[in-house]
Amino acid sequence: LLVLMLSIASFAQTINIGDTLPTITLQDQFEKTHTVSAESKTILVAFDKDASDILKEFLLEKEGDFLTKNQTVYIGDISGMPSLISKFFAIPKMKKYPFSILFLDDKHRETFSKKEDMISVYTLVDGKIENLSHISTKEELSKVFN
């Protein structure tokens, strides 16, 4: 029982600078399963509508394979959205985007650092978190990829 409790607690810890990226498997808006791999260089996490809108606007200005070319993963938390709204309006709208949005699930909700109305940006080197920043504008987001 103690081992089970410790393993559950280890999933609930927020990853920080110096930590190795744990295996994270999430579904996107197309119901396709993705594993966030150690080959990723950048992880962008949006916890609310304002942060998601900034990411969406930024990515819609880029080529459809921008995330793949930059070894970047976009993770969005839509758990606060009423299920009927997400099922009938938000997710169908997201299916029109030329990029995948991985949906944060209950198992991984505490894995990423959250600041209100900000995008959490994780920079990885060889599967380890090298930097964590929180940004709130497209201009700051552009600097991540320069």
N, C-alpha and C. Protein backbone atom coordinates (compact mmCIF):
# COMPACT_ATOMS: atom_id res chain seq x y z
N LEU A 1 0.83 -1.20 0.00
CA LEU A 1 0.00 0.00 0.00
C LEU A 1 0.87 1.25 0.00
N LEU A 2 1.94 1.23 0.78
CA LEU A 2 2.85 2.38 0.84
C LEU A 2 3.49 2.64 -0.52
N VAL A 3 3.93 1.57 -1.19
CA VAL A 3 4.53 1.72 -2.51
C VAL A 3 3.52 2.32 -3.49
N LEU A 4 2.29 1.87 -3.44
CA LEU A 4 1.25 2.41 -4.31
C LEU A 4 1.04 3.89 -4.03
N MET A 5 0.97 4.29 -2.77
CA MET A 5 0.77 5.69 -2.42
C MET A 5 1.95 6.55 -2.87
N LEU A 6 3.16 6.04 -2.73
CA LEU A 6 4.34 6.79 -3.16
C LEU A 6 4.38 6.93 -4.68
N SER A 7 3.98 5.88 -5.40
CA SER A 7 4.00 5.98 -6.86
C SER A 7 2.92 6.95 -7.35
N ILE A 8 1.78 6.99 -6.69
CA ILE A 8 0.74 7.96 -7.04
C ILE A 8 1.23 9.36 -6.74
N ALA A 9 1.87 9.55 -5.61
CA ALA A 9 2.38 10.87 -5.23
C ALA A 9 3.45 11.34 -6.22
N SER A 10 4.24 10.41 -6.75
CA SER A 10 5.28 10.82 -7.69
C SER A 10 4.69 11.34 -8.99
N PHE A 11 3.50 10.86 -9.36
CA PHE A 11 2.84 11.37 -10.56
C PHE A 11 2.31 12.78 -10.35
N ALA A 12 2.03 13.13 -9.11
CA ALA A 12 1.39 14.41 -8.82
C ALA A 12 2.40 15.55 -8.67
N GLN A 13 3.67 15.27 -8.73
CA GLN A 13 4.66 16.31 -8.54
C GLN A 13 4.88 17.11 -9.81
N THR A 14 5.03 18.41 -9.64
CA THR A 14 5.30 19.30 -10.75
C THR A 14 6.75 19.13 -11.17
N ILE A 15 6.98 19.04 -12.49
CA ILE A 15 8.35 18.93 -12.98
C ILE A 15 9.02 20.30 -12.94
N ASN A 16 10.29 20.28 -12.60
CA ASN A 16 11.05 21.52 -12.45
C ASN A 16 12.37 21.43 -13.20
N ILE A 17 13.10 22.54 -13.23
CA ILE A 17 14.41 22.57 -13.88
C ILE A 17 15.30 21.49 -13.28
N GLY A 18 15.95 20.74 -14.16
CA GLY A 18 16.83 19.66 -13.74
C GLY A 18 16.16 18.29 -13.72
N ASP A 19 14.84 18.27 -13.71
CA ASP A 19 14.11 17.00 -13.71
C ASP A 19 14.14 16.36 -15.09
N THR A 20 14.09 15.05 -15.11
CA THR A 20 13.94 14.31 -16.35
C THR A 20 12.45 14.28 -16.69
N LEU A 21 12.14 14.51 -17.95
CA LEU A 21 10.74 14.49 -18.37
C LEU A 21 10.17 13.09 -18.19
N PRO A 22 9.08 12.97 -17.44
CA PRO A 22 8.47 11.64 -17.30
C PRO A 22 7.74 11.28 -18.60
N THR A 23 7.40 10.02 -18.74
CA THR A 23 6.62 9.60 -19.90
C THR A 23 5.20 10.14 -19.74
N ILE A 24 4.77 10.87 -20.74
CA ILE A 24 3.44 11.49 -20.70
C ILE A 24 2.72 11.12 -22.00
N THR A 25 1.59 10.46 -21.87
CA THR A 25 0.80 10.06 -23.02
C THR A 25 -0.55 10.76 -22.92
N LEU A 26 -0.88 11.52 -23.98
CA LEU A 26 -2.11 12.31 -23.99
C LEU A 26 -2.80 12.19 -25.35
N GLN A 27 -4.09 12.47 -25.38
CA GLN A 27 -4.83 12.47 -26.64
C GLN A 27 -4.97 13.89 -27.16
N ASP A 28 -5.03 14.01 -28.49
CA ASP A 28 -5.23 15.33 -29.10
C ASP A 28 -6.69 15.51 -29.51
N GLN A 29 -6.98 16.61 -30.19
CA GLN A 29 -8.35 16.92 -30.58
C GLN A 29 -8.90 15.95 -31.62
N PHE A 30 -8.04 15.14 -32.23
CA PHE A 30 -8.47 14.14 -33.21
C PHE A 30 -8.59 12.76 -32.58
N GLU A 31 -8.47 12.70 -31.24
CA GLU A 31 -8.52 11.46 -30.46
C GLU A 31 -7.34 10.54 -30.77
N LYS A 32 -6.27 11.12 -31.25
CA LYS A 32 -5.05 10.37 -31.51
C LYS A 32 -4.16 10.45 -30.27
N THR A 33 -3.56 9.34 -29.89
CA THR A 33 -2.72 9.29 -28.71
C THR A 33 -1.28 9.66 -29.08
N HIS A 34 -0.69 10.54 -28.28
CA HIS A 34 0.69 10.98 -28.47
C HIS A 34 1.47 10.75 -27.18
N THR A 35 2.72 10.37 -27.31
CA THR A 35 3.60 10.29 -26.16
C THR A 35 4.60 11.43 -26.27
N VAL A 36 4.62 12.27 -25.25
CA VAL A 36 5.57 13.38 -25.21
C VAL A 36 6.93 12.74 -24.93
N SER A 37 7.84 12.88 -25.89
CA SER A 37 9.09 12.13 -25.80
C SER A 37 10.26 13.01 -25.35
N ALA A 38 11.33 12.33 -25.00
CA ALA A 38 12.55 13.01 -24.59
C ALA A 38 13.19 13.75 -25.75
N GLU A 39 12.76 13.47 -26.98
CA GLU A 39 13.27 14.19 -28.14
C GLU A 39 12.67 15.59 -28.27
N SER A 40 11.61 15.84 -27.53
CA SER A 40 11.00 17.17 -27.56
C SER A 40 11.99 18.20 -27.06
N LYS A 41 11.99 19.37 -27.71
CA LYS A 41 12.86 20.46 -27.27
C LYS A 41 12.09 21.50 -26.47
N THR A 42 10.78 21.63 -26.79
CA THR A 42 9.97 22.63 -26.13
C THR A 42 8.58 22.06 -25.86
N ILE A 43 8.06 22.36 -24.67
CA ILE A 43 6.69 22.01 -24.33
C ILE A 43 5.99 23.30 -23.95
N LEU A 44 4.88 23.58 -24.62
CA LEU A 44 4.07 24.76 -24.36
C LEU A 44 2.78 24.29 -23.70
N VAL A 45 2.47 24.84 -22.52
CA VAL A 45 1.28 24.42 -21.80
C VAL A 45 0.39 25.62 -21.53
N ALA A 46 -0.86 25.52 -21.98
CA ALA A 46 -1.86 26.57 -21.75
C ALA A 46 -2.95 26.02 -20.84
N PHE A 47 -3.17 26.72 -19.74
CA PHE A 47 -4.16 26.25 -18.77
C PHE A 47 -5.51 26.97 -18.87
N ASP A 48 -5.57 28.05 -19.64
CA ASP A 48 -6.82 28.81 -19.71
C ASP A 48 -7.02 29.38 -21.11
N LYS A 49 -8.17 29.98 -21.33
CA LYS A 49 -8.55 30.47 -22.66
C LYS A 49 -7.61 31.55 -23.16
N ASP A 50 -7.23 32.51 -22.31
CA ASP A 50 -6.35 33.59 -22.76
C ASP A 50 -5.01 33.05 -23.26
N ALA A 51 -4.41 32.16 -22.51
CA ALA A 51 -3.13 31.57 -22.92
C ALA A 51 -3.31 30.74 -24.19
N SER A 52 -4.41 30.00 -24.28
CA SER A 52 -4.69 29.20 -25.48
C SER A 52 -4.87 30.08 -26.70
N ASP A 53 -5.54 31.21 -26.52
CA ASP A 53 -5.76 32.12 -27.65
C ASP A 53 -4.44 32.68 -28.18
N ILE A 54 -3.52 33.01 -27.28
CA ILE A 54 -2.21 33.52 -27.70
C ILE A 54 -1.47 32.45 -28.51
N LEU A 55 -1.47 31.23 -27.99
CA LEU A 55 -0.81 30.12 -28.70
C LEU A 55 -1.45 29.86 -30.05
N LYS A 56 -2.77 29.84 -30.07
CA LYS A 56 -3.50 29.59 -31.32
C LYS A 56 -3.16 30.65 -32.37
N GLU A 57 -3.23 31.91 -31.98
CA GLU A 57 -2.92 33.00 -32.92
C GLU A 57 -1.49 32.88 -33.44
N PHE A 58 -0.56 32.60 -32.56
CA PHE A 58 0.84 32.46 -32.93
C PHE A 58 1.01 31.31 -33.94
N LEU A 59 0.43 30.16 -33.62
CA LEU A 59 0.60 28.97 -34.47
C LEU A 59 -0.12 29.08 -35.80
N LEU A 60 -1.25 29.76 -35.82
CA LEU A 60 -1.97 29.92 -37.08
C LEU A 60 -1.21 30.80 -38.07
N GLU A 61 -0.27 31.60 -37.58
CA GLU A 61 0.59 32.42 -38.45
C GLU A 61 1.77 31.63 -39.01
N LYS A 62 1.97 30.43 -38.50
CA LYS A 62 3.10 29.58 -38.91
C LYS A 62 2.62 28.51 -39.87
N GLU A 63 3.58 27.80 -40.47
CA GLU A 63 3.24 26.66 -41.32
C GLU A 63 2.67 25.54 -40.46
N GLY A 64 1.86 24.70 -41.06
CA GLY A 64 1.17 23.63 -40.35
C GLY A 64 2.08 22.67 -39.60
N ASP A 65 3.32 22.51 -40.07
CA ASP A 65 4.24 21.57 -39.42
C ASP A 65 5.23 22.29 -38.50
N PHE A 66 4.91 23.51 -38.10
CA PHE A 66 5.81 24.31 -37.26
C PHE A 66 6.18 23.57 -35.97
N LEU A 67 5.19 23.00 -35.29
CA LEU A 67 5.47 22.31 -34.03
C LEU A 67 6.41 21.12 -34.25
N THR A 68 6.13 20.33 -35.28
CA THR A 68 6.96 19.16 -35.57
C THR A 68 8.38 19.59 -35.92
N LYS A 69 8.52 20.58 -36.81
CA LYS A 69 9.85 21.06 -37.21
C LYS A 69 10.66 21.56 -36.04
N ASN A 70 9.99 22.15 -35.06
CA ASN A 70 10.68 22.71 -33.91
C ASN A 70 10.68 21.77 -32.70
N GLN A 71 10.30 20.53 -32.92
CA GLN A 71 10.25 19.52 -31.87
C GLN A 71 9.55 20.07 -30.62
N THR A 72 8.36 20.63 -30.88
CA THR A 72 7.58 21.29 -29.85
C THR A 72 6.23 20.61 -29.69
N VAL A 73 5.76 20.57 -28.46
CA VAL A 73 4.48 19.99 -28.13
C VAL A 73 3.61 21.07 -27.49
N TYR A 74 2.36 21.14 -27.92
CA TYR A 74 1.39 22.07 -27.36
C TYR A 74 0.41 21.26 -26.54
N ILE A 75 0.33 21.57 -25.25
CA ILE A 75 -0.59 20.89 -24.34
C ILE A 75 -1.59 21.92 -23.82
N GLY A 76 -2.85 21.59 -23.93
CA GLY A 76 -3.90 22.48 -23.44
C GLY A 76 -4.74 21.81 -22.38
N ASP A 77 -5.17 22.60 -21.41
CA ASP A 77 -6.03 22.11 -20.35
C ASP A 77 -7.45 22.62 -20.60
N ILE A 78 -8.32 21.74 -21.03
CA ILE A 78 -9.71 22.14 -21.26
C ILE A 78 -10.63 21.56 -20.19
N SER A 79 -10.06 21.11 -19.08
CA SER A 79 -10.85 20.47 -18.04
C SER A 79 -11.84 21.42 -17.38
N GLY A 80 -11.55 22.71 -17.37
CA GLY A 80 -12.45 23.67 -16.76
C GLY A 80 -13.64 24.01 -17.63
N MET A 81 -13.61 23.57 -18.86
CA MET A 81 -14.68 23.86 -19.80
C MET A 81 -15.81 22.85 -19.59
N PRO A 82 -17.06 23.31 -19.58
CA PRO A 82 -18.17 22.35 -19.47
C PRO A 82 -18.09 21.32 -20.59
N SER A 83 -18.35 20.06 -20.26
CA SER A 83 -18.15 18.98 -21.22
C SER A 83 -18.99 19.13 -22.49
N LEU A 84 -20.21 19.64 -22.36
CA LEU A 84 -21.03 19.82 -23.56
C LEU A 84 -20.44 20.89 -24.48
N ILE A 85 -19.91 21.94 -23.90
CA ILE A 85 -19.29 23.01 -24.69
C ILE A 85 -18.06 22.46 -25.41
N SER A 86 -17.21 21.72 -24.66
CA SER A 86 -16.00 21.18 -25.30
C SER A 86 -16.36 20.17 -26.38
N LYS A 87 -17.31 19.29 -26.11
CA LYS A 87 -17.65 18.23 -27.06
C LYS A 87 -18.30 18.76 -28.34
N PHE A 88 -19.21 19.71 -28.21
CA PHE A 88 -19.98 20.15 -29.37
C PHE A 88 -19.47 21.42 -30.04
N PHE A 89 -18.64 22.20 -29.34
CA PHE A 89 -18.17 23.46 -29.92
C PHE A 89 -16.65 23.58 -29.99
N ALA A 90 -15.99 23.47 -28.84
CA ALA A 90 -14.55 23.74 -28.78
C ALA A 90 -13.72 22.71 -29.56
N ILE A 91 -13.93 21.44 -29.28
CA ILE A 91 -13.12 20.41 -29.94
C ILE A 91 -13.38 20.38 -31.45
N PRO A 92 -14.63 20.45 -31.92
CA PRO A 92 -14.82 20.52 -33.38
C PRO A 92 -14.11 21.73 -34.01
N LYS A 93 -14.09 22.85 -33.31
CA LYS A 93 -13.38 24.03 -33.83
C LYS A 93 -11.88 23.75 -33.87
N MET A 94 -11.35 23.09 -32.84
CA MET A 94 -9.92 22.77 -32.78
C MET A 94 -9.51 21.80 -33.88
N LYS A 95 -10.43 20.99 -34.34
CA LYS A 95 -10.12 20.04 -35.42
C LYS A 95 -9.81 20.74 -36.73
N LYS A 96 -10.15 22.00 -36.84
CA LYS A 96 -9.85 22.78 -38.04
C LYS A 96 -8.43 23.33 -38.02
N TYR A 97 -7.76 23.28 -36.86
CA TYR A 97 -6.40 23.80 -36.76
C TYR A 97 -5.42 22.84 -37.43
N PRO A 98 -4.37 23.38 -38.06
CA PRO A 98 -3.39 22.52 -38.73
C PRO A 98 -2.31 21.98 -37.77
N PHE A 99 -2.59 21.98 -36.49
CA PHE A 99 -1.64 21.50 -35.49
C PHE A 99 -2.40 20.74 -34.41
N SER A 100 -1.69 19.88 -33.71
CA SER A 100 -2.31 19.09 -32.64
C SER A 100 -2.22 19.83 -31.32
N ILE A 101 -3.29 19.71 -30.56
CA ILE A 101 -3.31 20.20 -29.18
C ILE A 101 -3.52 18.96 -28.32
N LEU A 102 -2.55 18.64 -27.51
CA LEU A 102 -2.69 17.49 -26.61
C LEU A 102 -3.48 17.96 -25.40
N PHE A 103 -4.47 17.18 -25.00
CA PHE A 103 -5.31 17.57 -23.88
C PHE A 103 -4.78 17.01 -22.57
N LEU A 104 -4.56 17.91 -21.64
CA LEU A 104 -4.09 17.53 -20.31
C LEU A 104 -5.17 16.69 -19.64
N ASP A 105 -4.77 15.59 -19.03
CA ASP A 105 -5.73 14.73 -18.35
C ASP A 105 -5.52 14.80 -16.84
N ASP A 106 -6.41 14.17 -16.09
CA ASP A 106 -6.34 14.22 -14.63
C ASP A 106 -5.02 13.66 -14.10
N LYS A 107 -4.51 12.64 -14.74
CA LYS A 107 -3.27 11.99 -14.29
C LYS A 107 -2.08 12.94 -14.35
N HIS A 108 -2.06 13.84 -15.34
CA HIS A 108 -0.90 14.72 -15.54
C HIS A 108 -1.15 16.19 -15.22
N ARG A 109 -2.31 16.50 -14.68
CA ARG A 109 -2.68 17.89 -14.43
C ARG A 109 -1.69 18.62 -13.53
N GLU A 110 -1.13 17.94 -12.56
CA GLU A 110 -0.19 18.58 -11.62
C GLU A 110 1.26 18.49 -12.09
N THR A 111 1.49 17.90 -13.25
CA THR A 111 2.85 17.73 -13.76
C THR A 111 3.49 19.05 -14.16
N PHE A 112 2.68 19.98 -14.65
CA PHE A 112 3.22 21.22 -15.21
C PHE A 112 2.92 22.42 -14.32
N SER A 113 3.88 23.32 -14.30
CA SER A 113 3.76 24.56 -13.53
C SER A 113 2.69 25.45 -14.15
N LYS A 114 1.87 26.04 -13.30
CA LYS A 114 0.76 26.86 -13.78
C LYS A 114 0.82 28.25 -13.16
N LYS A 115 0.72 29.26 -14.02
CA LYS A 115 0.54 30.64 -13.57
C LYS A 115 -0.66 31.19 -14.33
N GLU A 116 -1.52 31.86 -13.61
CA GLU A 116 -2.77 32.39 -14.19
C GLU A 116 -2.52 33.21 -15.45
N ASP A 117 -3.27 32.94 -16.50
CA ASP A 117 -3.23 33.67 -17.78
C ASP A 117 -1.86 33.66 -18.45
N MET A 118 -1.06 32.63 -18.20
CA MET A 118 0.28 32.56 -18.79
C MET A 118 0.51 31.19 -19.41
N ILE A 119 1.37 31.17 -20.42
CA ILE A 119 1.80 29.93 -21.06
C ILE A 119 3.04 29.45 -20.34
N SER A 120 3.03 28.20 -19.91
CA SER A 120 4.23 27.60 -19.31
C SER A 120 5.09 27.06 -20.44
N VAL A 121 6.36 27.47 -20.48
CA VAL A 121 7.27 27.06 -21.54
C VAL A 121 8.40 26.26 -20.92
N TYR A 122 8.46 24.99 -21.28
CA TYR A 122 9.53 24.11 -20.81
C TYR A 122 10.52 23.92 -21.96
N THR A 123 11.79 24.15 -21.69
CA THR A 123 12.85 23.89 -22.65
C THR A 123 13.59 22.65 -22.17
N LEU A 124 13.76 21.68 -23.08
CA LEU A 124 14.40 20.42 -22.73
C LEU A 124 15.69 20.23 -23.50
N VAL A 125 16.65 19.60 -22.86
CA VAL A 125 17.89 19.18 -23.49
C VAL A 125 18.12 17.74 -23.05
N ASP A 126 18.18 16.84 -24.03
CA ASP A 126 18.38 15.41 -23.75
C ASP A 126 17.39 14.87 -22.73
N GLY A 127 16.13 15.30 -22.85
CA GLY A 127 15.08 14.77 -21.99
C GLY A 127 15.00 15.38 -20.60
N LYS A 128 15.84 16.36 -20.31
CA LYS A 128 15.82 17.02 -19.00
C LYS A 128 15.33 18.45 -19.15
N ILE A 129 14.62 18.91 -18.14
CA ILE A 129 14.10 20.28 -18.14
C ILE A 129 15.28 21.22 -17.88
N GLU A 130 15.61 22.03 -18.89
CA GLU A 130 16.71 22.97 -18.75
C GLU A 130 16.22 24.35 -18.32
N ASN A 131 15.00 24.70 -18.75
CA ASN A 131 14.47 26.01 -18.41
C ASN A 131 12.96 25.94 -18.32
N LEU A 132 12.40 26.77 -17.45
CA LEU A 132 10.96 26.91 -17.31
C LEU A 132 10.66 28.40 -17.23
N SER A 133 9.80 28.87 -18.11
CA SER A 133 9.39 30.27 -18.06
C SER A 133 7.89 30.36 -18.26
N HIS A 134 7.34 31.50 -17.90
CA HIS A 134 5.92 31.76 -18.06
C HIS A 134 5.79 33.03 -18.87
N ILE A 135 5.06 32.94 -19.98
CA ILE A 135 4.95 34.09 -20.87
C ILE A 135 3.48 34.40 -21.15
N SER A 136 3.23 35.62 -21.63
CA SER A 136 1.84 36.01 -21.82
C SER A 136 1.58 36.78 -23.11
N THR A 137 2.58 36.84 -24.01
CA THR A 137 2.36 37.56 -25.27
C THR A 137 2.94 36.77 -26.45
N LYS A 138 2.44 37.09 -27.65
CA LYS A 138 2.97 36.46 -28.87
C LYS A 138 4.42 36.86 -29.08
N GLU A 139 4.79 38.08 -28.69
CA GLU A 139 6.17 38.54 -28.86
C GLU A 139 7.12 37.69 -28.01
N GLU A 140 6.73 37.42 -26.78
CA GLU A 140 7.55 36.55 -25.92
C GLU A 140 7.62 35.14 -26.51
N LEU A 141 6.52 34.68 -27.04
CA LEU A 141 6.46 33.35 -27.65
C LEU A 141 7.39 33.28 -28.87
N SER A 142 7.42 34.34 -29.66
CA SER A 142 8.34 34.37 -30.83
C SER A 142 9.78 34.24 -30.41
N LYS A 143 10.14 34.84 -29.29
CA LYS A 143 11.52 34.77 -28.80
C LYS A 143 11.93 33.36 -28.39
N VAL A 144 10.96 32.54 -28.03
CA VAL A 144 11.25 31.15 -27.66
C VAL A 144 11.84 30.40 -28.85
N PHE A 145 11.44 30.79 -30.07
CA PHE A 145 11.85 30.06 -31.27
C PHE A 145 12.91 30.80 -32.09
N ASN A 146 13.53 31.80 -31.54
CA ASN A 146 14.64 32.52 -32.23
C ASN A 146 15.97 31.97 -31.83
